[in-house]
């Protein structure tokens, strides 16, 4: 849910008002269950959403546009272009399969990151890149499907074994409850966890 809330493009300060409202485009990378959850959630909140995947995706919201990494050019010349070129300008990109935030200390940074992030800023005016890649998923990427799962599962078990008192309490950002969480719950936008009886939830690989 935090991934959805942080990715929502907002417009505020219109006419001197302090009220913010949702307006803009977002792109979700990946076709996994979590990517579909984010796409459905953003669309429910009123965001113009495109989800990019090489395979079939299970999105429930009919306003979510499904794209392949490369799409036919509008020039009708038989050429294909990347999804970012096809979409044009967008406000947020949520990456569920990799992490391009190299050297960026916080989400509001205007410099740093990989060449991918720099191109998003200059070519698509996208200044909000969010990676949801977990450490467990990174272990799979680094060590492969033969050696990674054992390390990833061990990491998840370690997190779930922690006492809640040892975890850092996160203070919700402004509008998280009424603007995001309540709207998602009212529209039955939920992400299912296995072993939901545990005191601490850790999203695995």
N, C-alpha and C. Protein backbone atom coordinates (compact mmCIF):
# COMPACT_ATOMS: atom_id res chain seq x y z
N UNK A 1 0.83 -1.20 0.00
CA UNK A 1 0.00 0.00 0.00
C UNK A 1 0.87 1.26 0.00
N UNK A 2 1.98 1.21 0.70
CA UNK A 2 2.88 2.36 0.74
C UNK A 2 3.41 2.65 -0.66
N UNK A 3 3.71 1.58 -1.43
CA UNK A 3 4.18 1.76 -2.79
C UNK A 3 3.18 2.50 -3.65
N UNK A 4 1.90 2.22 -3.45
CA UNK A 4 0.85 2.92 -4.18
C UNK A 4 0.79 4.38 -3.77
N UNK A 5 0.78 4.61 -2.47
CA UNK A 5 0.64 5.98 -1.95
C UNK A 5 1.79 6.87 -2.41
N UNK A 6 3.00 6.33 -2.38
CA UNK A 6 4.16 7.13 -2.77
C UNK A 6 4.19 7.42 -4.27
N UNK A 7 3.55 6.56 -5.06
CA UNK A 7 3.60 6.71 -6.51
C UNK A 7 2.51 7.61 -7.07
N UNK A 8 1.51 7.93 -6.26
CA UNK A 8 0.38 8.72 -6.76
C UNK A 8 0.82 10.13 -7.13
N UNK A 9 0.65 10.53 -8.38
CA UNK A 9 0.97 11.91 -8.77
C UNK A 9 -0.12 12.85 -8.26
N UNK A 10 0.29 13.91 -7.62
CA UNK A 10 -0.67 14.84 -7.02
C UNK A 10 -0.41 16.27 -7.49
N UNK A 11 -1.47 17.03 -7.54
CA UNK A 11 -1.39 18.45 -7.88
C UNK A 11 -1.96 19.23 -6.71
N UNK A 12 -1.23 20.23 -6.25
CA UNK A 12 -1.70 21.03 -5.12
C UNK A 12 -1.36 22.50 -5.32
N UNK A 13 -1.88 23.30 -4.45
CA UNK A 13 -1.57 24.72 -4.48
C UNK A 13 -2.28 25.48 -5.60
N UNK A 14 -3.33 24.91 -6.17
CA UNK A 14 -4.06 25.60 -7.24
C UNK A 14 -4.88 26.74 -6.64
N UNK A 15 -4.67 27.93 -7.16
CA UNK A 15 -5.40 29.08 -6.66
C UNK A 15 -5.09 29.42 -5.23
N UNK A 16 -3.89 29.02 -4.77
CA UNK A 16 -3.50 29.30 -3.39
C UNK A 16 -4.02 28.30 -2.39
N UNK A 17 -4.77 27.30 -2.84
CA UNK A 17 -5.31 26.30 -1.94
C UNK A 17 -4.24 25.29 -1.54
N UNK A 18 -4.35 24.77 -0.30
CA UNK A 18 -3.42 23.75 0.18
C UNK A 18 -3.93 22.34 -0.11
N UNK A 19 -5.10 22.23 -0.70
CA UNK A 19 -5.70 20.92 -0.99
C UNK A 19 -5.00 20.28 -2.19
N UNK A 20 -4.66 18.98 -2.08
CA UNK A 20 -4.05 18.23 -3.16
C UNK A 20 -5.09 17.30 -3.78
N UNK A 21 -4.97 17.07 -5.08
CA UNK A 21 -5.83 16.10 -5.73
C UNK A 21 -5.01 15.27 -6.71
N UNK A 22 -5.51 14.08 -6.99
CA UNK A 22 -4.79 13.13 -7.84
C UNK A 22 -4.94 13.50 -9.30
N UNK A 23 -3.81 13.57 -10.01
CA UNK A 23 -3.85 13.87 -11.44
C UNK A 23 -2.51 13.48 -12.05
N UNK A 24 -2.54 12.66 -13.11
CA UNK A 24 -1.30 12.32 -13.78
C UNK A 24 -1.26 10.89 -14.28
N UNK A 25 -0.09 10.52 -14.80
CA UNK A 25 0.13 9.19 -15.37
C UNK A 25 1.19 8.44 -14.57
N UNK A 26 1.01 7.13 -14.51
CA UNK A 26 1.99 6.27 -13.85
C UNK A 26 2.21 5.02 -14.69
N UNK A 27 3.43 4.49 -14.63
CA UNK A 27 3.79 3.28 -15.36
C UNK A 27 4.28 2.25 -14.34
N UNK A 28 3.75 1.04 -14.43
CA UNK A 28 4.16 -0.06 -13.56
C UNK A 28 4.91 -1.09 -14.40
N UNK A 29 6.12 -1.46 -13.96
CA UNK A 29 6.93 -2.44 -14.67
C UNK A 29 6.82 -3.79 -13.99
N UNK A 30 6.40 -4.82 -14.75
CA UNK A 30 6.28 -6.17 -14.21
C UNK A 30 4.87 -6.69 -14.33
N UNK A 31 4.75 -8.01 -14.42
CA UNK A 31 3.44 -8.63 -14.52
C UNK A 31 3.10 -9.52 -13.34
N UNK A 32 3.88 -9.43 -12.26
CA UNK A 32 3.64 -10.26 -11.09
C UNK A 32 2.42 -9.76 -10.31
N UNK A 33 2.03 -10.52 -9.29
CA UNK A 33 0.82 -10.19 -8.52
C UNK A 33 0.93 -8.82 -7.86
N UNK A 34 2.13 -8.48 -7.36
CA UNK A 34 2.29 -7.20 -6.69
C UNK A 34 2.19 -6.04 -7.69
N UNK A 35 2.73 -6.23 -8.89
CA UNK A 35 2.63 -5.20 -9.93
C UNK A 35 1.17 -4.96 -10.30
N UNK A 36 0.40 -6.05 -10.42
CA UNK A 36 -1.03 -5.91 -10.74
C UNK A 36 -1.78 -5.22 -9.61
N UNK A 37 -1.40 -5.53 -8.37
CA UNK A 37 -2.02 -4.87 -7.21
C UNK A 37 -1.76 -3.37 -7.24
N UNK A 38 -0.53 -2.97 -7.54
CA UNK A 38 -0.20 -1.55 -7.61
C UNK A 38 -0.96 -0.87 -8.75
N UNK A 39 -1.02 -1.52 -9.92
CA UNK A 39 -1.72 -0.94 -11.06
C UNK A 39 -3.20 -0.77 -10.76
N UNK A 40 -3.83 -1.80 -10.17
CA UNK A 40 -5.24 -1.71 -9.81
C UNK A 40 -5.48 -0.60 -8.79
N UNK A 41 -4.57 -0.52 -7.80
CA UNK A 41 -4.72 0.50 -6.76
C UNK A 41 -4.60 1.91 -7.30
N UNK A 42 -3.60 2.15 -8.13
CA UNK A 42 -3.40 3.49 -8.69
C UNK A 42 -4.59 3.88 -9.56
N UNK A 43 -5.08 2.94 -10.38
CA UNK A 43 -6.23 3.24 -11.24
C UNK A 43 -7.47 3.54 -10.41
N UNK A 44 -7.63 2.83 -9.31
CA UNK A 44 -8.77 3.08 -8.42
C UNK A 44 -8.71 4.47 -7.81
N UNK A 45 -7.50 4.97 -7.58
CA UNK A 45 -7.32 6.30 -7.01
C UNK A 45 -7.43 7.40 -8.07
N UNK A 46 -7.65 7.02 -9.33
CA UNK A 46 -7.85 8.02 -10.38
C UNK A 46 -6.65 8.33 -11.23
N UNK A 47 -5.60 7.50 -11.14
CA UNK A 47 -4.38 7.71 -11.92
C UNK A 47 -4.52 7.03 -13.28
N UNK A 48 -3.98 7.63 -14.31
CA UNK A 48 -3.91 7.04 -15.64
C UNK A 48 -2.74 6.06 -15.64
N UNK A 49 -3.01 4.74 -15.68
CA UNK A 49 -1.99 3.72 -15.43
C UNK A 49 -1.74 2.85 -16.66
N UNK A 50 -0.45 2.59 -16.91
CA UNK A 50 -0.02 1.60 -17.89
C UNK A 50 0.85 0.59 -17.18
N UNK A 51 0.63 -0.70 -17.46
CA UNK A 51 1.46 -1.75 -16.89
C UNK A 51 2.21 -2.43 -18.03
N UNK A 52 3.52 -2.61 -17.83
CA UNK A 52 4.39 -3.13 -18.89
C UNK A 52 4.90 -4.50 -18.49
N UNK A 53 4.65 -5.50 -19.34
CA UNK A 53 5.06 -6.86 -19.03
C UNK A 53 5.25 -7.66 -20.31
N UNK A 54 6.12 -8.66 -20.23
CA UNK A 54 6.36 -9.53 -21.39
C UNK A 54 5.31 -10.63 -21.50
N UNK A 55 4.57 -10.87 -20.42
CA UNK A 55 3.57 -11.92 -20.42
C UNK A 55 2.20 -11.39 -20.04
N UNK A 56 1.26 -12.32 -19.87
CA UNK A 56 -0.08 -11.93 -19.48
C UNK A 56 -0.14 -11.39 -18.06
N UNK A 57 -1.00 -10.42 -17.84
CA UNK A 57 -1.15 -9.84 -16.51
C UNK A 57 -2.61 -9.93 -16.09
N UNK A 58 -2.82 -10.03 -14.79
CA UNK A 58 -4.16 -10.19 -14.25
C UNK A 58 -4.60 -8.92 -13.54
N UNK A 59 -4.93 -7.90 -14.32
CA UNK A 59 -5.41 -6.66 -13.73
C UNK A 59 -6.94 -6.64 -13.77
N UNK A 60 -7.54 -6.17 -12.69
CA UNK A 60 -8.99 -6.16 -12.58
C UNK A 60 -9.60 -4.85 -13.08
N UNK A 61 -8.84 -3.76 -12.95
CA UNK A 61 -9.39 -2.45 -13.31
C UNK A 61 -9.34 -2.28 -14.83
N UNK A 62 -10.48 -1.98 -15.43
CA UNK A 62 -10.55 -1.91 -16.90
C UNK A 62 -9.91 -0.66 -17.48
N UNK A 63 -9.46 0.27 -16.61
CA UNK A 63 -8.82 1.49 -17.10
C UNK A 63 -7.30 1.35 -17.18
N UNK A 64 -6.77 0.19 -16.78
CA UNK A 64 -5.32 -0.03 -16.85
C UNK A 64 -4.94 -0.46 -18.26
N UNK A 65 -4.00 0.25 -18.85
CA UNK A 65 -3.53 -0.09 -20.19
C UNK A 65 -2.39 -1.09 -20.08
N UNK A 66 -2.49 -2.19 -20.82
CA UNK A 66 -1.47 -3.23 -20.79
C UNK A 66 -0.59 -3.10 -22.02
N UNK A 67 0.74 -2.99 -21.78
CA UNK A 67 1.69 -2.79 -22.87
C UNK A 67 2.81 -3.82 -22.80
N UNK A 68 3.40 -4.12 -23.95
CA UNK A 68 4.63 -4.90 -24.02
C UNK A 68 5.81 -3.93 -23.91
N UNK A 69 7.01 -4.43 -23.60
CA UNK A 69 8.16 -3.53 -23.53
C UNK A 69 8.39 -2.74 -24.81
N UNK A 70 8.05 -3.31 -25.96
CA UNK A 70 8.12 -2.58 -27.23
C UNK A 70 6.76 -2.64 -27.91
N UNK A 71 6.35 -1.54 -28.51
CA UNK A 71 5.03 -1.45 -29.14
C UNK A 71 5.19 -0.89 -30.55
N UNK A 72 4.17 -1.08 -31.35
CA UNK A 72 4.19 -0.58 -32.72
C UNK A 72 4.23 0.94 -32.74
N UNK A 73 5.03 1.48 -33.63
CA UNK A 73 5.15 2.92 -33.76
C UNK A 73 3.88 3.51 -34.36
N UNK A 74 3.53 4.73 -33.94
CA UNK A 74 2.37 5.42 -34.50
C UNK A 74 2.62 5.90 -35.93
N UNK A 75 3.87 5.80 -36.36
CA UNK A 75 4.22 6.24 -37.72
C UNK A 75 3.72 5.26 -38.78
N UNK A 76 3.23 4.08 -38.34
CA UNK A 76 2.71 3.07 -39.26
C UNK A 76 3.76 2.64 -40.29
N UNK A 77 5.01 2.54 -39.83
CA UNK A 77 6.09 2.14 -40.73
C UNK A 77 6.63 0.76 -40.40
N UNK A 78 5.91 0.03 -39.56
CA UNK A 78 6.33 -1.32 -39.20
C UNK A 78 7.39 -1.37 -38.12
N UNK A 79 7.86 -0.21 -37.68
CA UNK A 79 8.89 -0.16 -36.65
C UNK A 79 8.26 -0.24 -35.26
N UNK A 80 9.08 -0.70 -34.30
CA UNK A 80 8.63 -0.75 -32.92
C UNK A 80 9.43 0.24 -32.09
N UNK A 81 8.80 0.77 -31.07
CA UNK A 81 9.47 1.72 -30.16
C UNK A 81 9.28 1.22 -28.73
N UNK A 82 10.13 1.69 -27.84
CA UNK A 82 10.01 1.32 -26.44
C UNK A 82 8.76 1.91 -25.82
N UNK A 83 8.29 1.28 -24.75
CA UNK A 83 7.05 1.73 -24.11
C UNK A 83 7.14 3.17 -23.63
N UNK A 84 8.32 3.58 -23.13
CA UNK A 84 8.47 4.95 -22.62
C UNK A 84 8.29 5.97 -23.74
N UNK A 85 8.81 5.65 -24.92
CA UNK A 85 8.64 6.54 -26.06
C UNK A 85 7.19 6.58 -26.49
N UNK A 86 6.53 5.42 -26.48
CA UNK A 86 5.13 5.34 -26.89
C UNK A 86 4.22 6.12 -25.94
N UNK A 87 4.48 6.05 -24.65
CA UNK A 87 3.63 6.74 -23.68
C UNK A 87 3.90 8.23 -23.68
N UNK A 88 5.17 8.61 -23.80
CA UNK A 88 5.52 10.03 -23.78
C UNK A 88 5.78 10.50 -22.36
N UNK A 89 5.13 11.55 -21.95
CA UNK A 89 5.34 12.10 -20.61
C UNK A 89 4.50 11.33 -19.59
N UNK A 90 5.11 11.02 -18.45
CA UNK A 90 4.39 10.44 -17.33
C UNK A 90 5.06 10.87 -16.04
N UNK A 91 4.34 10.74 -14.93
CA UNK A 91 4.78 11.31 -13.66
C UNK A 91 5.54 10.34 -12.76
N UNK A 92 5.13 9.07 -12.77
CA UNK A 92 5.73 8.09 -11.86
C UNK A 92 6.02 6.79 -12.58
N UNK A 93 7.11 6.12 -12.16
CA UNK A 93 7.39 4.78 -12.64
C UNK A 93 7.65 3.89 -11.44
N UNK A 94 6.89 2.79 -11.35
CA UNK A 94 7.03 1.85 -10.26
C UNK A 94 7.64 0.57 -10.83
N UNK A 95 8.83 0.25 -10.39
CA UNK A 95 9.60 -0.87 -10.92
C UNK A 95 9.54 -2.03 -9.93
N UNK A 96 8.89 -3.13 -10.32
CA UNK A 96 8.78 -4.28 -9.41
C UNK A 96 9.79 -5.38 -9.71
N UNK A 97 10.65 -5.18 -10.71
CA UNK A 97 11.58 -6.25 -11.09
C UNK A 97 13.05 -5.85 -11.01
N UNK A 98 13.36 -4.58 -10.80
CA UNK A 98 14.76 -4.16 -10.68
C UNK A 98 14.84 -2.89 -9.85
N UNK A 99 16.06 -2.40 -9.67
CA UNK A 99 16.28 -1.18 -8.89
C UNK A 99 17.33 -0.32 -9.58
N UNK A 100 16.91 0.79 -10.12
CA UNK A 100 17.81 1.70 -10.82
C UNK A 100 18.22 2.89 -9.96
N UNK A 101 17.84 2.89 -8.69
CA UNK A 101 18.12 4.02 -7.81
C UNK A 101 19.53 3.95 -7.24
N UNK A 102 20.51 3.84 -8.09
CA UNK A 102 21.90 3.74 -7.66
C UNK A 102 22.42 5.11 -7.25
N UNK A 103 22.88 5.21 -6.03
CA UNK A 103 23.44 6.47 -5.57
C UNK A 103 22.42 7.50 -5.15
N UNK A 104 21.14 7.11 -5.09
CA UNK A 104 20.11 8.06 -4.66
C UNK A 104 19.77 7.78 -3.21
N UNK A 105 19.90 8.78 -2.38
CA UNK A 105 19.67 8.59 -0.95
C UNK A 105 18.19 8.68 -0.60
N UNK A 106 17.40 9.42 -1.38
CA UNK A 106 15.98 9.54 -1.06
C UNK A 106 15.19 9.73 -2.35
N UNK A 107 13.88 9.55 -2.26
CA UNK A 107 13.02 9.59 -3.44
C UNK A 107 12.90 10.97 -4.06
N UNK A 108 13.16 12.01 -3.29
CA UNK A 108 13.00 13.36 -3.79
C UNK A 108 14.25 13.89 -4.48
N UNK A 109 15.30 13.08 -4.53
CA UNK A 109 16.55 13.53 -5.16
C UNK A 109 16.33 13.82 -6.63
N UNK A 110 16.96 14.88 -7.12
CA UNK A 110 16.79 15.27 -8.52
C UNK A 110 17.99 14.88 -9.37
N UNK A 111 19.02 14.35 -8.73
CA UNK A 111 20.20 13.89 -9.47
C UNK A 111 20.58 12.51 -8.99
N UNK A 112 21.50 11.86 -9.71
CA UNK A 112 21.95 10.53 -9.32
C UNK A 112 21.12 9.45 -9.98
N UNK A 113 21.43 8.20 -9.64
CA UNK A 113 20.73 7.09 -10.24
C UNK A 113 21.39 6.63 -11.52
N UNK A 114 20.86 5.56 -12.08
CA UNK A 114 21.41 5.00 -13.30
C UNK A 114 21.05 5.87 -14.50
N UNK A 115 21.58 5.50 -15.66
CA UNK A 115 21.24 6.23 -16.89
C UNK A 115 19.75 6.09 -17.21
N UNK A 116 19.14 5.00 -16.76
CA UNK A 116 17.70 4.81 -16.99
C UNK A 116 16.91 5.92 -16.31
N UNK A 117 17.24 6.20 -15.06
CA UNK A 117 16.53 7.25 -14.33
C UNK A 117 16.81 8.61 -14.95
N UNK A 118 18.04 8.84 -15.35
CA UNK A 118 18.37 10.13 -15.97
C UNK A 118 17.60 10.33 -17.27
N UNK A 119 17.43 9.26 -18.05
CA UNK A 119 16.65 9.35 -19.29
C UNK A 119 15.17 9.57 -19.00
N UNK A 120 14.67 8.96 -17.93
CA UNK A 120 13.28 9.18 -17.55
C UNK A 120 13.04 10.65 -17.23
N UNK A 121 14.01 11.26 -16.54
CA UNK A 121 13.87 12.68 -16.19
C UNK A 121 13.87 13.57 -17.43
N UNK A 122 14.82 13.32 -18.33
CA UNK A 122 15.01 14.23 -19.46
C UNK A 122 14.02 14.00 -20.59
N UNK A 123 13.69 12.73 -20.87
CA UNK A 123 12.85 12.43 -22.02
C UNK A 123 11.36 12.30 -21.69
N UNK A 124 11.06 11.88 -20.45
CA UNK A 124 9.66 11.64 -20.10
C UNK A 124 9.15 12.55 -18.99
N UNK A 125 10.02 13.46 -18.50
CA UNK A 125 9.66 14.33 -17.38
C UNK A 125 9.15 13.54 -16.18
N UNK A 126 9.69 12.32 -16.03
CA UNK A 126 9.32 11.48 -14.90
C UNK A 126 10.36 11.64 -13.80
N UNK A 127 9.97 12.26 -12.70
CA UNK A 127 10.90 12.54 -11.61
C UNK A 127 10.61 11.68 -10.37
N UNK A 128 9.73 10.70 -10.52
CA UNK A 128 9.39 9.84 -9.38
C UNK A 128 9.58 8.39 -9.78
N UNK A 129 10.73 7.83 -9.43
CA UNK A 129 11.04 6.42 -9.69
C UNK A 129 11.00 5.68 -8.37
N UNK A 130 10.20 4.60 -8.31
CA UNK A 130 10.07 3.81 -7.09
C UNK A 130 10.34 2.35 -7.42
N UNK A 131 11.30 1.77 -6.73
CA UNK A 131 11.57 0.34 -6.87
C UNK A 131 10.98 -0.39 -5.68
N UNK A 132 10.23 -1.46 -5.95
CA UNK A 132 9.65 -2.28 -4.88
C UNK A 132 10.41 -3.59 -4.72
N UNK A 133 11.58 -3.69 -5.35
CA UNK A 133 12.37 -4.92 -5.28
C UNK A 133 12.78 -5.19 -3.83
N UNK A 134 12.46 -6.37 -3.33
CA UNK A 134 12.83 -6.73 -1.97
C UNK A 134 14.23 -7.33 -1.94
N UNK A 135 14.80 -7.43 -0.75
CA UNK A 135 16.12 -8.06 -0.63
C UNK A 135 16.06 -9.52 -1.05
N UNK A 136 14.95 -10.19 -0.75
CA UNK A 136 14.79 -11.59 -1.15
C UNK A 136 14.83 -11.72 -2.67
N UNK A 137 14.15 -10.83 -3.37
CA UNK A 137 14.17 -10.85 -4.82
C UNK A 137 15.56 -10.54 -5.37
N UNK A 138 16.27 -9.63 -4.71
CA UNK A 138 17.61 -9.29 -5.14
C UNK A 138 18.56 -10.48 -4.97
N UNK A 139 18.35 -11.26 -3.91
CA UNK A 139 19.16 -12.46 -3.69
C UNK A 139 18.96 -13.47 -4.83
N UNK A 140 17.73 -13.59 -5.29
CA UNK A 140 17.44 -14.49 -6.41
C UNK A 140 18.14 -13.99 -7.67
N UNK A 141 18.10 -12.68 -7.90
CA UNK A 141 18.74 -12.12 -9.08
C UNK A 141 20.25 -12.30 -9.03
N UNK A 142 20.82 -12.14 -7.84
CA UNK A 142 22.28 -12.21 -7.70
C UNK A 142 22.80 -13.64 -7.74
N UNK A 143 22.09 -14.57 -7.10
CA UNK A 143 22.60 -15.94 -6.94
C UNK A 143 21.90 -16.96 -7.83
N UNK A 144 20.87 -16.53 -8.57
CA UNK A 144 20.22 -17.46 -9.49
C UNK A 144 19.19 -18.34 -8.83
N UNK A 145 18.44 -19.08 -9.66
CA UNK A 145 17.34 -19.90 -9.16
C UNK A 145 17.82 -21.17 -8.47
N UNK A 146 19.08 -21.54 -8.64
CA UNK A 146 19.59 -22.73 -7.97
C UNK A 146 20.07 -22.44 -6.55
N UNK A 147 20.77 -21.32 -6.36
CA UNK A 147 21.35 -21.01 -5.06
C UNK A 147 20.63 -19.88 -4.32
N UNK A 148 19.83 -19.10 -5.04
CA UNK A 148 19.18 -17.96 -4.43
C UNK A 148 18.02 -18.26 -3.51
N UNK A 149 17.12 -19.21 -3.86
CA UNK A 149 15.94 -19.44 -3.02
C UNK A 149 16.25 -19.76 -1.56
N UNK A 150 17.28 -20.54 -1.30
CA UNK A 150 17.62 -20.87 0.08
C UNK A 150 17.97 -19.62 0.87
N UNK A 151 18.80 -18.75 0.28
CA UNK A 151 19.17 -17.51 0.96
C UNK A 151 17.97 -16.57 1.12
N UNK A 152 17.13 -16.52 0.10
CA UNK A 152 15.95 -15.65 0.15
C UNK A 152 14.98 -16.10 1.23
N UNK A 153 14.72 -17.40 1.28
CA UNK A 153 13.80 -17.93 2.30
C UNK A 153 14.36 -17.74 3.71
N UNK A 154 15.68 -17.90 3.85
CA UNK A 154 16.31 -17.70 5.16
C UNK A 154 16.17 -16.25 5.60
N UNK A 155 16.30 -15.33 4.65
CA UNK A 155 16.16 -13.90 4.98
C UNK A 155 14.74 -13.59 5.44
N UNK A 156 13.74 -14.16 4.75
CA UNK A 156 12.34 -13.93 5.13
C UNK A 156 12.06 -14.49 6.52
N UNK A 157 12.56 -15.70 6.78
CA UNK A 157 12.35 -16.30 8.10
C UNK A 157 13.00 -15.47 9.20
N UNK A 158 14.16 -14.91 8.89
CA UNK A 158 14.83 -14.06 9.89
C UNK A 158 13.98 -12.83 10.21
N UNK A 159 13.44 -12.19 9.18
CA UNK A 159 12.62 -11.01 9.40
C UNK A 159 11.36 -11.35 10.20
N UNK A 160 10.75 -12.49 9.86
CA UNK A 160 9.52 -12.87 10.55
C UNK A 160 9.78 -13.31 11.98
N UNK A 161 11.03 -13.64 12.30
CA UNK A 161 11.36 -14.06 13.66
C UNK A 161 11.65 -12.88 14.59
N UNK A 162 11.78 -11.69 14.00
CA UNK A 162 12.09 -10.52 14.82
C UNK A 162 10.93 -10.14 15.73
N UNK A 163 11.25 -9.64 16.86
CA UNK A 163 10.23 -9.12 17.76
C UNK A 163 9.72 -7.78 17.23
N UNK A 164 8.41 -7.54 17.26
CA UNK A 164 7.89 -6.25 16.79
C UNK A 164 8.55 -5.06 17.48
N UNK A 165 9.01 -5.26 18.72
CA UNK A 165 9.66 -4.17 19.45
C UNK A 165 10.99 -3.76 18.82
N UNK A 166 11.59 -4.66 18.01
CA UNK A 166 12.87 -4.35 17.37
C UNK A 166 12.69 -3.68 16.01
N UNK A 167 11.45 -3.54 15.58
CA UNK A 167 11.18 -2.94 14.27
C UNK A 167 10.95 -1.44 14.39
N UNK A 168 11.34 -0.73 13.37
CA UNK A 168 11.15 0.72 13.36
C UNK A 168 9.70 1.06 13.02
N UNK A 169 9.11 1.94 13.80
CA UNK A 169 7.75 2.37 13.54
C UNK A 169 7.75 3.45 12.46
N UNK A 170 6.99 3.22 11.41
CA UNK A 170 6.90 4.20 10.31
C UNK A 170 5.70 5.11 10.53
N UNK A 171 5.94 6.40 10.42
CA UNK A 171 4.86 7.37 10.56
C UNK A 171 4.22 7.58 9.19
N UNK A 172 2.93 7.31 9.05
CA UNK A 172 2.27 7.47 7.74
C UNK A 172 2.38 8.90 7.23
N UNK A 173 2.58 9.02 5.92
CA UNK A 173 2.65 10.36 5.34
C UNK A 173 1.27 10.98 5.26
N UNK A 174 1.22 12.24 4.95
CA UNK A 174 -0.03 12.99 4.93
C UNK A 174 -1.03 12.37 3.95
N UNK A 175 -2.25 12.16 4.42
CA UNK A 175 -3.32 11.66 3.58
C UNK A 175 -3.31 10.16 3.35
N UNK A 176 -2.39 9.43 3.99
CA UNK A 176 -2.28 8.00 3.73
C UNK A 176 -3.57 7.26 4.08
N UNK A 177 -4.12 7.56 5.24
CA UNK A 177 -5.33 6.86 5.67
C UNK A 177 -6.56 7.18 4.85
N UNK A 178 -7.02 8.45 4.90
CA UNK A 178 -8.27 8.79 4.21
C UNK A 178 -8.17 8.82 2.69
N UNK A 179 -7.03 9.23 2.16
CA UNK A 179 -6.90 9.39 0.71
C UNK A 179 -6.56 8.10 -0.02
N UNK A 180 -5.76 7.24 0.62
CA UNK A 180 -5.29 6.03 -0.06
C UNK A 180 -5.88 4.76 0.54
N UNK A 181 -5.57 4.48 1.80
CA UNK A 181 -5.95 3.21 2.41
C UNK A 181 -7.46 3.02 2.42
N UNK A 182 -8.20 4.02 2.85
CA UNK A 182 -9.65 3.88 2.94
C UNK A 182 -10.27 3.64 1.57
N UNK A 183 -9.78 4.35 0.55
CA UNK A 183 -10.32 4.19 -0.80
C UNK A 183 -10.04 2.79 -1.33
N UNK A 184 -8.83 2.26 -1.10
CA UNK A 184 -8.49 0.92 -1.55
C UNK A 184 -9.34 -0.14 -0.86
N UNK A 185 -9.55 0.00 0.44
CA UNK A 185 -10.36 -0.96 1.17
C UNK A 185 -11.81 -0.92 0.71
N UNK A 186 -12.33 0.26 0.48
CA UNK A 186 -13.72 0.39 0.03
C UNK A 186 -13.94 -0.23 -1.34
N UNK A 187 -12.88 -0.29 -2.15
CA UNK A 187 -12.99 -0.87 -3.48
C UNK A 187 -12.41 -2.28 -3.57
N UNK A 188 -12.13 -2.88 -2.40
CA UNK A 188 -11.66 -4.26 -2.30
C UNK A 188 -10.36 -4.48 -3.08
N UNK A 189 -9.45 -3.50 -3.02
CA UNK A 189 -8.13 -3.65 -3.64
C UNK A 189 -7.19 -4.14 -2.55
N UNK A 190 -6.95 -5.46 -2.55
CA UNK A 190 -6.19 -6.10 -1.48
C UNK A 190 -5.06 -6.94 -2.07
N UNK A 191 -3.99 -7.07 -1.30
CA UNK A 191 -2.87 -7.93 -1.69
C UNK A 191 -2.76 -9.05 -0.67
N UNK A 192 -2.87 -10.29 -1.14
CA UNK A 192 -2.90 -11.44 -0.23
C UNK A 192 -1.49 -11.85 0.18
N UNK A 193 -1.34 -12.14 1.47
CA UNK A 193 -0.08 -12.65 2.02
C UNK A 193 -0.28 -14.10 2.43
N UNK A 194 0.74 -14.93 2.19
CA UNK A 194 0.74 -16.26 2.76
C UNK A 194 1.23 -16.17 4.20
N UNK A 195 0.84 -17.14 5.01
CA UNK A 195 1.25 -17.15 6.43
C UNK A 195 0.86 -15.85 7.12
N UNK A 196 -0.37 -15.42 6.89
CA UNK A 196 -0.81 -14.13 7.40
C UNK A 196 -1.04 -14.12 8.91
N UNK A 197 -0.81 -15.27 9.56
CA UNK A 197 -0.98 -15.32 11.01
C UNK A 197 0.25 -14.86 11.76
N UNK A 198 1.32 -14.52 11.02
CA UNK A 198 2.55 -14.09 11.67
C UNK A 198 2.44 -12.63 12.13
N UNK A 199 3.20 -12.28 13.17
CA UNK A 199 3.17 -10.92 13.69
C UNK A 199 3.82 -9.93 12.74
N UNK A 200 4.82 -10.42 11.98
CA UNK A 200 5.54 -9.56 11.03
C UNK A 200 5.42 -10.16 9.63
N UNK A 201 5.05 -9.33 8.68
CA UNK A 201 4.90 -9.78 7.29
C UNK A 201 6.13 -9.36 6.50
N UNK A 202 6.68 -10.27 5.73
CA UNK A 202 7.83 -9.96 4.88
C UNK A 202 7.52 -10.48 3.48
N UNK A 203 7.50 -9.57 2.51
CA UNK A 203 7.24 -9.99 1.14
C UNK A 203 8.48 -10.68 0.58
N UNK A 204 8.32 -11.92 0.14
CA UNK A 204 9.46 -12.72 -0.33
C UNK A 204 9.75 -12.54 -1.80
N UNK A 205 10.16 -13.61 -2.44
CA UNK A 205 10.54 -13.54 -3.84
C UNK A 205 9.48 -14.15 -4.75
